[in-house]
Amino acid sequence: MSDDISIGGESIRLGQFLKYAGLLDSGGDAKEAIIDGYVRVNGEVERRRGRQLVDGDLVTYEERTVRVRP
């Protein structure tokens, strides 16, 4: 099960989304988690902080998964 997080637009970068969704507290924390391979997008490890997320993407960090919504 996942929560839906509305981003209020067409897309958002992964690093920004992690903070916006409350999965991580700061940009530095997001950067480290992504580089270290702890973040998954649609089930795959994603190491690009600037990856553009769009409607329906699933982002997982630790045990929490959230779905991107416009």
PDB file of N, CA and C in Angstrom:
ATOM      1  N   MET A   1       0.845  -1.186   0.000  1.00  0.00           N
ATOM      2  CA  MET A   1       0.000   0.000   0.000  1.00  0.00           C
ATOM      3  C   MET A   1       0.883   1.240   0.000  1.00  0.00           C
ATOM      4  N   SER A   2       0.427   2.285  -0.692  1.00  0.00           N
ATOM      5  CA  SER A   2       1.205   3.514  -0.761  1.00  0.00           C
ATOM      6  C   SER A   2       0.298   4.717  -0.523  1.00  0.00           C
ATOM      7  N   ASP A   3       0.924   5.792  -0.080  1.00  0.00           N
ATOM      8  CA  ASP A   3       0.223   7.064   0.062  1.00  0.00           C
ATOM      9  C   ASP A   3       0.375   7.830  -1.236  1.00  0.00           C
ATOM     10  N   ASP A   4      -0.620   8.641  -1.581  1.00  0.00           N
ATOM     11  CA  ASP A   4      -0.526   9.524  -2.743  1.00  0.00           C
ATOM     12  C   ASP A   4      -0.081  10.902  -2.273  1.00  0.00           C
ATOM     13  N   ILE A   5       0.919  11.471  -2.960  1.00  0.00           N
ATOM     14  CA  ILE A   5       1.417  12.804  -2.646  1.00  0.00           C
ATOM     15  C   ILE A   5       1.232  13.683  -3.876  1.00  0.00           C
ATOM     16  N   SER A   6       0.413  14.715  -3.765  1.00  0.00           N
ATOM     17  CA  SER A   6       0.182  15.638  -4.865  1.00  0.00           C
ATOM     18  C   SER A   6       1.316  16.642  -4.946  1.00  0.00           C
ATOM     19  N   ILE A   7       1.913  16.760  -6.146  1.00  0.00           N
ATOM     20  CA  ILE A   7       3.040  17.670  -6.328  1.00  0.00           C
ATOM     21  C   ILE A   7       2.623  19.004  -6.922  1.00  0.00           C
ATOM     22  N   GLY A   8       1.360  19.144  -7.308  1.00  0.00           N
ATOM     23  CA  GLY A   8       0.856  20.418  -7.818  1.00  0.00           C
ATOM     24  C   GLY A   8       1.418  20.817  -9.168  1.00  0.00           C
ATOM     25  N   GLY A   9       1.835  19.836  -9.952  1.00  0.00           N
ATOM     26  CA  GLY A   9       2.375  20.120 -11.280  1.00  0.00           C
ATOM     27  C   GLY A   9       2.608  18.835 -12.043  1.00  0.00           C
ATOM     28  N   GLU A  10       3.309  18.965 -13.169  1.00  0.00           N
ATOM     29  CA  GLU A  10       3.540  17.817 -14.042  1.00  0.00           C
ATOM     30  C   GLU A  10       4.652  16.898 -13.557  1.00  0.00           C
ATOM     31  N   SER A  11       5.731  17.491 -13.009  1.00  0.00           N
ATOM     32  CA  SER A  11       6.872  16.675 -12.599  1.00  0.00           C
ATOM     33  C   SER A  11       7.619  17.337 -11.449  1.00  0.00           C
ATOM     34  N   ILE A  12       8.486  16.554 -10.816  1.00  0.00           N
ATOM     35  CA  ILE A  12       9.315  17.039  -9.711  1.00  0.00           C
ATOM     36  C   ILE A  12      10.576  16.170  -9.682  1.00  0.00           C
ATOM     37  N   ARG A  13      11.666  16.746  -9.250  1.00  0.00           N
ATOM     38  CA  ARG A  13      12.907  15.984  -9.149  1.00  0.00           C
ATOM     39  C   ARG A  13      12.877  15.097  -7.908  1.00  0.00           C
ATOM     40  N   LEU A  14      13.552  13.964  -8.021  1.00  0.00           N
ATOM     41  CA  LEU A  14      13.548  12.972  -6.951  1.00  0.00           C
ATOM     42  C   LEU A  14      14.009  13.556  -5.623  1.00  0.00           C
ATOM     43  N   GLY A  15      15.118  14.284  -5.608  1.00  0.00           N
ATOM     44  CA  GLY A  15      15.628  14.862  -4.367  1.00  0.00           C
ATOM     45  C   GLY A  15      14.622  15.788  -3.711  1.00  0.00           C
ATOM     46  N   GLN A  16      13.969  16.605  -4.523  1.00  0.00           N
ATOM     47  CA  GLN A  16      12.949  17.522  -4.000  1.00  0.00           C
ATOM     48  C   GLN A  16      11.754  16.747  -3.460  1.00  0.00           C
ATOM     49  N   PHE A  17      11.364  15.706  -4.179  1.00  0.00           N
ATOM     50  CA  PHE A  17      10.196  14.937  -3.780  1.00  0.00           C
ATOM     51  C   PHE A  17      10.403  14.242  -2.439  1.00  0.00           C
ATOM     52  N   LEU A  18      11.595  13.719  -2.207  1.00  0.00           N
ATOM     53  CA  LEU A  18      11.863  13.041  -0.936  1.00  0.00           C
ATOM     54  C   LEU A  18      11.642  13.976   0.247  1.00  0.00           C
ATOM     55  N   LYS A  19      12.044  15.235   0.101  1.00  0.00           N
ATOM     56  CA  LYS A  19      11.815  16.231   1.165  1.00  0.00           C
ATOM     57  C   LYS A  19      10.338  16.606   1.225  1.00  0.00           C
ATOM     58  N   TYR A  20       9.747  16.892   0.074  1.00  0.00           N
ATOM     59  CA  TYR A  20       8.355  17.333  -0.007  1.00  0.00           C
ATOM     60  C   TYR A  20       7.394  16.304   0.590  1.00  0.00           C
ATOM     61  N   ALA A  21       7.680  15.028   0.341  1.00  0.00           N
ATOM     62  CA  ALA A  21       6.812  13.946   0.820  1.00  0.00           C
ATOM     63  C   ALA A  21       7.074  13.605   2.283  1.00  0.00           C
ATOM     64  N   GLY A  22       8.108  14.208   2.870  1.00  0.00           N
ATOM     65  CA  GLY A  22       8.426  13.948   4.267  1.00  0.00           C
ATOM     66  C   GLY A  22       9.191  12.651   4.497  1.00  0.00           C
ATOM     67  N   LEU A  23       9.754  12.088   3.433  1.00  0.00           N
ATOM     68  CA  LEU A  23      10.528  10.860   3.580  1.00  0.00           C
ATOM     69  C   LEU A  23      11.902  11.146   4.188  1.00  0.00           C
ATOM     70  N   LEU A  24      12.439  12.330   3.904  1.00  0.00           N
ATOM     71  CA  LEU A  24      13.721  12.765   4.455  1.00  0.00           C
ATOM     72  C   LEU A  24      13.606  14.232   4.849  1.00  0.00           C
ATOM     73  N   ASP A  25      14.459  14.654   5.780  1.00  0.00           N
ATOM     74  CA  ASP A  25      14.349  16.008   6.334  1.00  0.00           C
ATOM     75  C   ASP A  25      15.054  17.090   5.539  1.00  0.00           C
ATOM     76  N   SER A  26      16.130  16.744   4.830  1.00  0.00           N
ATOM     77  CA  SER A  26      16.908  17.787   4.154  1.00  0.00           C
ATOM     78  C   SER A  26      17.413  17.307   2.806  1.00  0.00           C
ATOM     79  N   GLY A  27      17.852  18.273   2.004  1.00  0.00           N
ATOM     80  CA  GLY A  27      18.436  17.945   0.711  1.00  0.00           C
ATOM     81  C   GLY A  27      19.697  17.117   0.857  1.00  0.00           C
ATOM     82  N   GLY A  28      20.485  17.402   1.889  1.00  0.00           N
ATOM     83  CA  GLY A  28      21.700  16.630   2.138  1.00  0.00           C
ATOM     84  C   GLY A  28      21.394  15.183   2.452  1.00  0.00           C
ATOM     85  N   ASP A  29      20.368  14.971   3.288  1.00  0.00           N
ATOM     86  CA  ASP A  29      19.950  13.604   3.618  1.00  0.00           C
ATOM     87  C   ASP A  29      19.463  12.875   2.364  1.00  0.00           C
ATOM     88  N   ALA A  30      18.699  13.590   1.524  1.00  0.00           N
ATOM     89  CA  ALA A  30      18.180  12.997   0.296  1.00  0.00           C
ATOM     90  C   ALA A  30      19.331  12.610  -0.629  1.00  0.00           C
ATOM     91  N   LYS A  31      20.295  13.504  -0.779  1.00  0.00           N
ATOM     92  CA  LYS A  31      21.442  13.235  -1.640  1.00  0.00           C
ATOM     93  C   LYS A  31      22.185  11.978  -1.188  1.00  0.00           C
ATOM     94  N   GLU A  32      22.454  11.873   0.099  1.00  0.00           N
ATOM     95  CA  GLU A  32      23.170  10.710   0.628  1.00  0.00           C
ATOM     96  C   GLU A  32      22.378   9.418   0.437  1.00  0.00           C
ATOM     97  N   ALA A  33      21.075   9.457   0.718  1.00  0.00           N
ATOM     98  CA  ALA A  33      20.240   8.261   0.585  1.00  0.00           C
ATOM     99  C   ALA A  33      20.203   7.784  -0.869  1.00  0.00           C
ATOM    100  N   ILE A  34      20.133   8.737  -1.795  1.00  0.00           N
ATOM    101  CA  ILE A  34      20.093   8.382  -3.221  1.00  0.00           C
ATOM    102  C   ILE A  34      21.430   7.806  -3.657  1.00  0.00           C
ATOM    103  N   ILE A  35      22.521   8.493  -3.327  1.00  0.00           N
ATOM    104  CA  ILE A  35      23.857   8.026  -3.709  1.00  0.00           C
ATOM    105  C   ILE A  35      24.141   6.639  -3.141  1.00  0.00           C
ATOM    106  N   ASP A  36      23.712   6.406  -1.904  1.00  0.00           N
ATOM    107  CA  ASP A  36      23.973   5.130  -1.244  1.00  0.00           C
ATOM    108  C   ASP A  36      23.049   4.002  -1.701  1.00  0.00           C
ATOM    109  N   GLY A  37      22.093   4.302  -2.594  1.00  0.00           N
ATOM    110  CA  GLY A  37      21.234   3.273  -3.161  1.00  0.00           C
ATOM    111  C   GLY A  37      20.058   2.861  -2.297  1.00  0.00           C
ATOM    112  N   TYR A  38      19.644   3.742  -1.380  1.00  0.00           N
ATOM    113  CA  TYR A  38      18.533   3.411  -0.484  1.00  0.00           C
ATOM    114  C   TYR A  38      17.162   3.818  -1.025  1.00  0.00           C
ATOM    115  N   VAL A  39      17.125   4.483  -2.175  1.00  0.00           N
ATOM    116  CA  VAL A  39      15.861   4.977  -2.740  1.00  0.00           C
ATOM    117  C   VAL A  39      15.533   4.176  -3.997  1.00  0.00           C
ATOM    118  N   ARG A  40      14.273   3.761  -4.087  1.00  0.00           N
ATOM    119  CA  ARG A  40      13.803   3.045  -5.270  1.00  0.00           C
ATOM    120  C   ARG A  40      12.695   3.844  -5.946  1.00  0.00           C
ATOM    121  N   VAL A  41      12.704   3.810  -7.273  1.00  0.00           N
ATOM    122  CA  VAL A  41      11.628   4.402  -8.067  1.00  0.00           C
ATOM    123  C   VAL A  41      11.061   3.284  -8.925  1.00  0.00           C
ATOM    124  N   ASN A  42       9.789   3.023  -8.749  1.00  0.00           N
ATOM    125  CA  ASN A  42       9.103   1.946  -9.469  1.00  0.00           C
ATOM    126  C   ASN A  42       9.826   0.613  -9.293  1.00  0.00           C
ATOM    127  N   GLY A  43      10.339   0.384  -8.080  1.00  0.00           N
ATOM    128  CA  GLY A  43      10.950  -0.885  -7.740  1.00  0.00           C
ATOM    129  C   GLY A  43      12.427  -1.017  -8.072  1.00  0.00           C
ATOM    130  N   GLU A  44      12.994  -0.029  -8.745  1.00  0.00           N
ATOM    131  CA  GLU A  44      14.405  -0.074  -9.140  1.00  0.00           C
ATOM    132  C   GLU A  44      15.209   0.954  -8.358  1.00  0.00           C
ATOM    133  N   VAL A  45      16.424   0.587  -7.948  1.00  0.00           N
ATOM    134  CA  VAL A  45      17.302   1.544  -7.266  1.00  0.00           C
ATOM    135  C   VAL A  45      17.571   2.707  -8.208  1.00  0.00           C
ATOM    136  N   GLU A  46      17.413   3.921  -7.698  1.00  0.00           N
ATOM    137  CA  GLU A  46      17.645   5.132  -8.493  1.00  0.00           C
ATOM    138  C   GLU A  46      18.723   5.962  -7.818  1.00  0.00           C
ATOM    139  N   ARG A  47      19.807   6.235  -8.531  1.00  0.00           N
ATOM    140  CA  ARG A  47      20.927   6.988  -7.965  1.00  0.00           C
ATOM    141  C   ARG A  47      21.061   8.386  -8.552  1.00  0.00           C
ATOM    142  N   ARG A  48      20.063   8.829  -9.324  1.00  0.00           N
ATOM    143  CA  ARG A  48      20.088  10.177  -9.908  1.00  0.00           C
ATOM    144  C   ARG A  48      19.139  11.083  -9.121  1.00  0.00           C
ATOM    145  N   ARG A  49      19.709  12.016  -8.402  1.00  0.00           N
ATOM    146  CA  ARG A  49      18.909  12.934  -7.584  1.00  0.00           C
ATOM    147  C   ARG A  49      17.997  13.792  -8.456  1.00  0.00           C
ATOM    148  N   GLY A  50      18.435  14.093  -9.678  1.00  0.00           N
ATOM    149  CA  GLY A  50      17.665  14.952 -10.576  1.00  0.00           C
ATOM    150  C   GLY A  50      16.644  14.220 -11.430  1.00  0.00           C
ATOM    151  N   ARG A  51      16.462  12.939 -11.204  1.00  0.00           N
ATOM    152  CA  ARG A  51      15.471  12.183 -11.987  1.00  0.00           C
ATOM    153  C   ARG A  51      14.109  12.853 -11.886  1.00  0.00           C
ATOM    154  N   GLN A  52      13.473  13.062 -13.018  1.00  0.00           N
ATOM    155  CA  GLN A  52      12.154  13.671 -13.056  1.00  0.00           C
ATOM    156  C   GLN A  52      11.094  12.609 -12.765  1.00  0.00           C
ATOM    157  N   LEU A  53      10.297  12.861 -11.748  1.00  0.00           N
ATOM    158  CA  LEU A  53       9.196  11.970 -11.411  1.00  0.00           C
ATOM    159  C   LEU A  53       7.921  12.508 -12.025  1.00  0.00           C
ATOM    160  N   VAL A  54       7.063  11.614 -12.467  1.00  0.00           N
ATOM    161  CA  VAL A  54       5.789  12.014 -13.068  1.00  0.00           C
ATOM    162  C   VAL A  54       4.648  11.240 -12.419  1.00  0.00           C
ATOM    163  N   ASP A  55       3.438  11.605 -12.773  1.00  0.00           N
ATOM    164  CA  ASP A  55       2.231  10.999 -12.229  1.00  0.00           C
ATOM    165  C   ASP A  55       2.313   9.472 -12.263  1.00  0.00           C
ATOM    166  N   GLY A  56       2.087   8.862 -11.114  1.00  0.00           N
ATOM    167  CA  GLY A  56       2.040   7.413 -11.014  1.00  0.00           C
ATOM    168  C   GLY A  56       3.342   6.763 -10.566  1.00  0.00           C
ATOM    169  N   ASP A  57       4.465   7.495 -10.593  1.00  0.00           N
ATOM    170  CA  ASP A  57       5.720   6.908 -10.129  1.00  0.00           C
ATOM    171  C   ASP A  57       5.610   6.548  -8.651  1.00  0.00           C
ATOM    172  N   LEU A  58       6.201   5.416  -8.292  1.00  0.00           N
ATOM    173  CA  LEU A  58       6.241   4.965  -6.900  1.00  0.00           C
ATOM    174  C   LEU A  58       7.647   5.147  -6.362  1.00  0.00           C
ATOM    175  N   VAL A  59       7.766   5.882  -5.259  1.00  0.00           N
ATOM    176  CA  VAL A  59       9.061   6.148  -4.641  1.00  0.00           C
ATOM    177  C   VAL A  59       9.087   5.461  -3.280  1.00  0.00           C
ATOM    178  N   THR A  60      10.134   4.658  -3.051  1.00  0.00           N
ATOM    179  CA  THR A  60      10.256   3.916  -1.805  1.00  0.00           C
ATOM    180  C   THR A  60      11.549   4.302  -1.101  1.00  0.00           C
ATOM    181  N   TYR A  61      11.422   4.605   0.188  1.00  0.00           N
ATOM    182  CA  TYR A  61      12.575   4.824   1.050  1.00  0.00           C
ATOM    183  C   TYR A  61      12.283   4.112   2.361  1.00  0.00           C
ATOM    184  N   GLU A  62      13.218   3.259   2.769  1.00  0.00           N
ATOM    185  CA  GLU A  62      13.026   2.391   3.934  1.00  0.00           C
ATOM    186  C   GLU A  62      11.745   1.589   3.738  1.00  0.00           C
ATOM    187  N   GLU A  63      10.810   1.662   4.635  1.00  0.00           N
ATOM    188  CA  GLU A  63       9.597   0.840   4.529  1.00  0.00           C
ATOM    189  C   GLU A  63       8.398   1.598   3.972  1.00  0.00           C
ATOM    190  N   ARG A  64       8.599   2.851   3.563  1.00  0.00           N
ATOM    191  CA  ARG A  64       7.474   3.668   3.106  1.00  0.00           C
ATOM    192  C   ARG A  64       7.518   3.877   1.591  1.00  0.00           C
ATOM    193  N   THR A  65       6.382   3.677   0.963  1.00  0.00           N
ATOM    194  CA  THR A  65       6.253   3.901  -0.481  1.00  0.00           C
ATOM    195  C   THR A  65       5.174   4.960  -0.695  1.00  0.00           C
ATOM    196  N   VAL A  66       5.486   5.930  -1.567  1.00  0.00           N
ATOM    197  CA  VAL A  66       4.521   6.979  -1.901  1.00  0.00           C
ATOM    198  C   VAL A  66       4.394   7.077  -3.418  1.00  0.00           C
ATOM    199  N   ARG A  67       3.187   7.437  -3.857  1.00  0.00           N
ATOM    200  CA  ARG A  67       2.884   7.565  -5.278  1.00  0.00           C
ATOM    201  C   ARG A  67       2.806   9.046  -5.632  1.00  0.00           C
ATOM    202  N   VAL A  68       3.461   9.417  -6.733  1.00  0.00           N
ATOM    203  CA  VAL A  68       3.452  10.798  -7.217  1.00  0.00           C
ATOM    204  C   VAL A  68       2.115  11.062  -7.908  1.00  0.00           C
ATOM    205  N   ARG A  69       1.479  12.156  -7.545  1.00  0.00           N
ATOM    206  CA  ARG A  69       0.234  12.608  -8.180  1.00  0.00           C
ATOM    207  C   ARG A  69       0.373  14.085  -8.538  1.00  0.00           C
ATOM    208  N   PRO A  70      -0.240  14.499  -9.661  1.00  0.00           N
ATOM    209  CA  PRO A  70      -0.145  15.925 -10.066  1.00  0.00           C
ATOM    210  C   PRO A  70      -0.934  16.829  -9.144  1.00  0.00           C
TER     211      PRO A  70
END
